[in-house]
Amino acid sequence: MSEPYEDIFNDALSFIGESKVLDDSEISYGPLRLTVAPKEGKANTLLADHLFSPSLFLAERIERALIPVQGRTVVELGAGCALPSLLMSTLPQPPSLVVVTDYPDDGIMKNLRENVNRNRAHVSDGCITCCQGYEWGTDAQSVLSLTDNEAMGYDVVILSDLLHFHTSHNVLVASLKSLLRKSSDSRVYIAAGKYTSPNVCDNFMRVASSEGFSIEEVVPNGHGEPWLGTMDVASFDKEALSIRKAACRFWIGRWAA
């Protein structure tokens, strides 16, 4: 059974032992200046009005070039403020296309468009960024049409902190199946907070496996790494960022052989 969003939010707070998740209206990560959606309507129920730890986790890996994206096409589902995907667009060797998507709610999409437009000056040459409203499980043609070859799909799909929507696993995997290019080189990168129950994460993996995906968890050695990113992040110091990094799980998926 899916957890109410209030429970997910409270679990996130208690897990990292902090009094707040990063829910400031303005967020900075390196050159990016981002905002979260207004705390109303679908933004509230879909948790688009906060930046949770998995987005920071993915951003650190992107900053360290641990997620290869040079010249590739990227789509992020349920992007929220779109930190991971927009950070990719600023890399010295960026993707060729970055598409950020979220539920087609006026408040969510207005904020997402503003984030994309506000940061265009930081997008590296050779990279195109755009946003698109998209509801999981629906026809993905509007998202596929943004690529040069819409029949092929995207090289990379980003899922940041989406697994806690337990009852949406089937439609989320259906969208992944529609959007990820049918190639041995295509990848889906998945991050979740440890506040998402293990059985909920396992259910997503079972659904994905049944639809032809092979997904492996990347488990840190020992007590895990400290925060190794070098960019300034909002008002957080390295210790606070390390706590949030340790509060996440990470998987890499591909089409099964």
Protein backbone atom coordinates (compact mmCIF):
# COMPACT_ATOMS: atom_id res chain seq x y z
CA MET A 1 0.00 0.00 0.00
CA SER A 2 1.30 3.45 -0.90
CA GLU A 3 2.32 5.71 1.98
CA PRO A 4 0.56 9.08 2.34
CA TYR A 5 2.87 11.89 1.27
CA GLU A 6 2.95 13.28 4.82
CA ASP A 7 4.35 9.96 6.06
CA ILE A 8 7.02 9.87 3.35
CA PHE A 9 8.06 13.43 4.21
CA ASN A 10 8.21 12.71 7.94
CA ASP A 11 10.15 9.49 7.34
CA ALA A 12 12.68 11.45 5.27
CA LEU A 13 13.17 13.90 8.10
CA SER A 14 13.54 11.29 10.81
CA PHE A 15 15.86 9.10 8.76
CA ILE A 16 18.53 11.76 8.30
CA GLY A 17 18.06 13.01 11.85
CA GLU A 18 17.41 16.55 10.74
CA SER A 19 14.64 19.03 11.39
CA LYS A 20 14.22 19.91 7.73
CA VAL A 21 14.57 18.56 4.23
CA LEU A 22 15.90 21.06 1.69
CA ASP A 23 12.61 22.83 1.04
CA ASP A 24 13.81 26.41 0.59
CA SER A 25 12.03 28.12 -2.27
CA GLU A 26 15.41 28.77 -3.93
CA ILE A 27 18.13 26.16 -4.34
CA SER A 28 21.66 26.54 -5.64
CA TYR A 29 24.01 23.81 -6.79
CA GLY A 30 27.14 25.06 -8.50
CA PRO A 31 26.03 27.42 -11.29
CA LEU A 32 22.38 26.34 -11.12
CA ARG A 33 19.69 28.44 -9.47
CA LEU A 34 16.52 26.43 -9.01
CA THR A 35 13.16 26.77 -7.32
CA VAL A 36 10.68 24.16 -6.12
CA ALA A 37 7.03 24.27 -7.13
CA PRO A 38 4.57 26.20 -4.93
CA LYS A 39 3.24 24.21 -1.97
CA GLU A 40 -0.22 23.70 -3.40
CA GLY A 41 -2.29 21.27 -5.44
CA LYS A 42 -0.46 18.44 -7.20
CA ALA A 43 2.94 19.85 -6.26
CA ASN A 44 2.07 19.12 -2.65
CA THR A 45 0.62 15.64 -3.12
CA LEU A 46 3.34 14.60 -5.58
CA LEU A 47 6.14 16.00 -3.39
CA ALA A 48 7.31 18.40 -6.10
CA ASP A 49 7.57 21.17 -3.51
CA HIS A 50 10.77 19.80 -1.90
CA LEU A 51 14.24 18.71 -2.93
CA PHE A 52 14.96 15.34 -1.32
CA SER A 53 18.32 13.65 -0.78
CA PRO A 54 18.27 11.36 -3.87
CA SER A 55 18.49 14.38 -6.19
CA LEU A 56 21.57 15.56 -4.30
CA PHE A 57 22.99 12.02 -4.44
CA LEU A 58 22.60 11.88 -8.22
CA ALA A 59 23.96 15.40 -8.64
CA GLU A 60 27.14 14.47 -6.81
CA ARG A 61 27.65 11.46 -9.10
CA ILE A 62 26.97 13.62 -12.15
CA GLU A 63 29.43 16.26 -10.94
CA ARG A 64 32.07 13.53 -10.54
CA ALA A 65 31.40 12.16 -14.06
CA LEU A 66 30.23 8.81 -12.68
CA ILE A 67 27.15 8.85 -14.91
CA PRO A 68 28.37 8.92 -18.54
CA VAL A 69 26.20 11.22 -20.63
CA GLN A 70 28.46 12.82 -23.25
CA GLY A 71 26.55 13.19 -26.51
CA ARG A 72 23.63 11.14 -25.22
CA THR A 73 19.92 11.88 -25.00
CA VAL A 74 18.53 12.12 -21.46
CA VAL A 75 15.03 12.27 -20.01
CA GLU A 76 14.15 12.69 -16.34
CA LEU A 77 10.73 11.52 -15.12
CA GLY A 78 8.99 13.17 -12.18
CA ALA A 79 11.75 15.76 -12.22
CA GLY A 80 10.52 18.19 -9.55
CA CYS A 81 13.06 21.03 -9.74
CA ALA A 82 15.17 18.92 -12.18
CA LEU A 83 18.52 19.22 -10.39
CA PRO A 84 20.13 16.02 -11.78
CA SER A 85 19.17 16.52 -15.42
CA LEU A 86 19.88 20.25 -15.52
CA LEU A 87 23.27 19.72 -13.88
CA MET A 88 24.09 17.30 -16.70
CA SER A 89 23.46 20.08 -19.20
CA THR A 90 26.23 22.21 -17.63
CA LEU A 91 28.97 19.57 -17.86
CA PRO A 92 32.02 20.26 -20.06
CA GLN A 93 31.03 17.15 -22.05
CA PRO A 94 27.24 17.36 -21.88
CA PRO A 95 24.41 15.27 -23.31
CA SER A 96 23.11 16.30 -26.72
CA LEU A 97 19.56 16.58 -25.35
CA VAL A 98 18.12 16.92 -21.83
CA VAL A 99 14.35 16.66 -21.42
CA VAL A 100 12.85 17.25 -17.98
CA THR A 101 9.32 15.98 -17.40
CA ASP A 102 6.79 16.00 -14.60
CA TYR A 103 3.07 15.66 -14.04
CA PRO A 104 1.18 18.10 -16.33
CA ASP A 105 -0.04 20.36 -13.54
CA ASP A 106 0.05 24.11 -14.14
CA GLY A 107 2.01 24.93 -10.98
CA ILE A 108 4.52 22.12 -11.42
CA MET A 109 5.16 22.83 -15.09
CA LYS A 110 5.38 26.61 -14.65
CA ASN A 111 8.15 26.12 -12.09
CA LEU A 112 9.90 23.54 -14.26
CA ARG A 113 9.88 25.81 -17.31
CA GLU A 114 11.24 28.67 -15.21
CA ASN A 115 14.08 26.47 -13.95
CA VAL A 116 15.00 25.47 -17.49
CA ASN A 117 14.87 29.04 -18.80
CA ARG A 118 16.65 30.61 -15.80
CA ASN A 119 19.67 28.34 -16.29
CA ARG A 120 20.02 28.40 -20.08
CA ALA A 121 23.12 30.61 -19.82
CA HIS A 122 24.90 27.75 -18.04
CA VAL A 123 24.04 25.08 -20.61
CA SER A 124 27.14 23.85 -22.42
CA ASP A 125 27.51 24.17 -26.18
CA GLY A 126 26.01 21.24 -28.03
CA CYS A 127 23.30 20.55 -25.47
CA ILE A 128 19.60 21.32 -25.88
CA THR A 129 17.34 21.52 -22.81
CA CYS A 130 13.55 21.51 -22.75
CA CYS A 131 10.65 20.46 -20.55
CA GLN A 132 7.45 18.55 -21.18
CA GLY A 133 4.42 17.66 -19.12
CA TYR A 134 3.99 13.90 -18.95
CA GLU A 135 1.87 11.56 -16.83
CA TRP A 136 3.37 8.11 -16.27
CA GLY A 137 1.69 5.28 -18.13
CA THR A 138 0.20 7.49 -20.83
CA ASP A 139 1.22 7.71 -24.48
CA ALA A 140 4.86 8.85 -24.51
CA GLN A 141 4.82 10.15 -28.08
CA SER A 142 5.01 13.80 -27.02
CA VAL A 143 8.24 13.06 -25.13
CA LEU A 144 9.69 10.77 -27.80
CA SER A 145 9.04 13.38 -30.50
CA LEU A 146 11.62 15.68 -28.90
CA THR A 147 14.44 13.36 -29.98
CA ASP A 148 15.97 13.28 -33.47
CA ASN A 149 14.71 9.73 -33.93
CA GLU A 150 11.51 9.34 -31.94
CA ALA A 151 11.24 5.62 -32.76
CA MET A 152 14.50 4.93 -30.95
CA GLY A 153 13.92 6.51 -27.53
CA TYR A 154 16.38 7.96 -25.02
CA ASP A 155 19.85 6.74 -24.13
CA VAL A 156 19.46 7.63 -20.44
CA VAL A 157 16.41 7.79 -18.15
CA ILE A 158 16.67 9.36 -14.67
CA LEU A 159 14.36 8.30 -11.82
CA SER A 160 15.07 10.35 -8.70
CA ASP A 161 13.12 9.46 -5.55
CA LEU A 162 10.11 8.03 -7.39
CA LEU A 163 9.95 4.51 -5.95
CA HIS A 164 7.93 5.56 -2.90
CA PHE A 165 4.90 5.96 -5.21
CA HIS A 166 4.19 2.25 -4.68
CA THR A 167 0.88 2.04 -6.52
CA SER A 168 2.45 3.74 -9.55
CA HIS A 169 5.18 1.17 -10.16
CA ASN A 170 3.37 -0.47 -13.08
CA VAL A 171 2.78 2.79 -14.94
CA LEU A 172 6.27 4.08 -14.14
CA VAL A 173 7.84 0.94 -15.61
CA ALA A 174 5.51 1.17 -18.61
CA SER A 175 6.86 4.67 -19.27
CA LEU A 176 10.43 3.48 -18.82
CA LYS A 177 9.75 0.71 -21.33
CA SER A 178 8.41 3.25 -23.85
CA LEU A 179 11.19 5.80 -23.40
CA LEU A 180 14.46 3.87 -22.98
CA ARG A 181 16.14 3.13 -26.29
CA LYS A 182 16.34 -0.58 -27.11
CA SER A 183 20.13 -0.82 -26.96
CA SER A 184 22.71 -2.58 -24.82
CA ASP A 185 24.22 0.87 -24.14
CA SER A 186 21.03 2.44 -22.75
CA ARG A 187 20.79 2.98 -19.01
CA VAL A 188 18.31 3.97 -16.33
CA TYR A 189 19.73 5.53 -13.16
CA ILE A 190 17.55 5.17 -10.08
CA ALA A 191 18.03 6.78 -6.67
CA ALA A 192 15.78 6.40 -3.64
CA GLY A 193 15.88 7.53 -0.05
CA LYS A 194 16.35 4.81 2.54
CA TYR A 195 13.11 6.10 4.03
CA THR A 196 11.44 4.23 1.14
CA SER A 197 10.68 0.78 2.55
CA PRO A 198 12.86 -2.05 1.18
CA ASN A 199 9.77 -4.04 0.22
CA VAL A 200 8.54 -1.08 -1.84
CA CYS A 201 11.89 -0.86 -3.66
CA ASP A 202 11.85 -4.63 -4.19
CA ASN A 203 8.40 -4.42 -5.73
CA PHE A 204 9.61 -1.91 -8.31
CA MET A 205 12.53 -4.18 -9.19
CA ARG A 206 10.17 -7.15 -9.64
CA VAL A 207 7.90 -5.16 -11.92
CA ALA A 208 10.87 -3.89 -13.95
CA SER A 209 12.34 -7.39 -14.23
CA SER A 210 9.03 -8.77 -15.50
CA GLU A 211 9.07 -6.13 -18.26
CA GLY A 212 12.54 -7.00 -19.54
CA PHE A 213 14.91 -4.91 -17.43
CA SER A 214 18.00 -5.99 -15.50
CA ILE A 215 18.61 -3.69 -12.53
CA GLU A 216 21.55 -3.93 -10.13
CA GLU A 217 22.06 -2.01 -6.92
CA VAL A 218 25.36 -0.21 -6.41
CA VAL A 219 26.21 -0.86 -2.77
CA PRO A 220 28.83 1.35 -1.07
CA ASN A 221 31.77 -0.28 0.67
CA GLY A 222 31.78 -0.25 4.45
CA HIS A 223 30.16 2.87 5.82
CA GLY A 224 30.07 4.53 2.41
CA GLU A 225 31.91 7.49 0.96
CA PRO A 226 31.81 11.03 2.29
CA TRP A 227 30.50 13.76 0.02
CA LEU A 228 33.06 14.12 -2.78
CA GLY A 229 31.48 16.85 -4.87
CA THR A 230 33.30 20.18 -5.09
CA MET A 231 30.51 22.58 -6.09
CA ASP A 232 28.79 24.78 -3.52
CA VAL A 233 25.36 23.43 -2.55
CA ALA A 234 22.78 25.78 -1.05
CA SER A 235 23.58 26.29 2.65
CA PHE A 236 24.90 22.77 3.27
CA ASP A 237 28.42 21.92 4.39
CA LYS A 238 30.21 18.67 3.53
CA GLU A 239 29.05 16.95 6.70
CA ALA A 240 25.38 17.68 6.04
CA LEU A 241 25.74 16.57 2.42
CA SER A 242 27.49 13.36 3.50
CA ILE A 243 24.54 12.54 5.77
CA ARG A 244 22.14 12.96 2.87
CA LYS A 245 24.32 10.92 0.55
CA ALA A 246 24.42 8.06 3.06
CA ALA A 247 20.61 8.18 3.29
CA CYS A 248 20.22 6.99 -0.32
CA ARG A 249 20.19 3.81 -2.36
CA PHE A 250 21.25 3.64 -6.02
CA TRP A 251 20.62 1.26 -8.92
CA ILE A 252 21.68 1.07 -12.55
CA GLY A 253 19.32 -0.62 -15.00
CA ARG A 254 19.53 -1.79 -18.59
CA TRP A 255 17.65 -3.99 -20.99
CA ALA A 256 18.13 -7.65 -20.05
CA ALA A 257 20.21 -9.66 -22.51
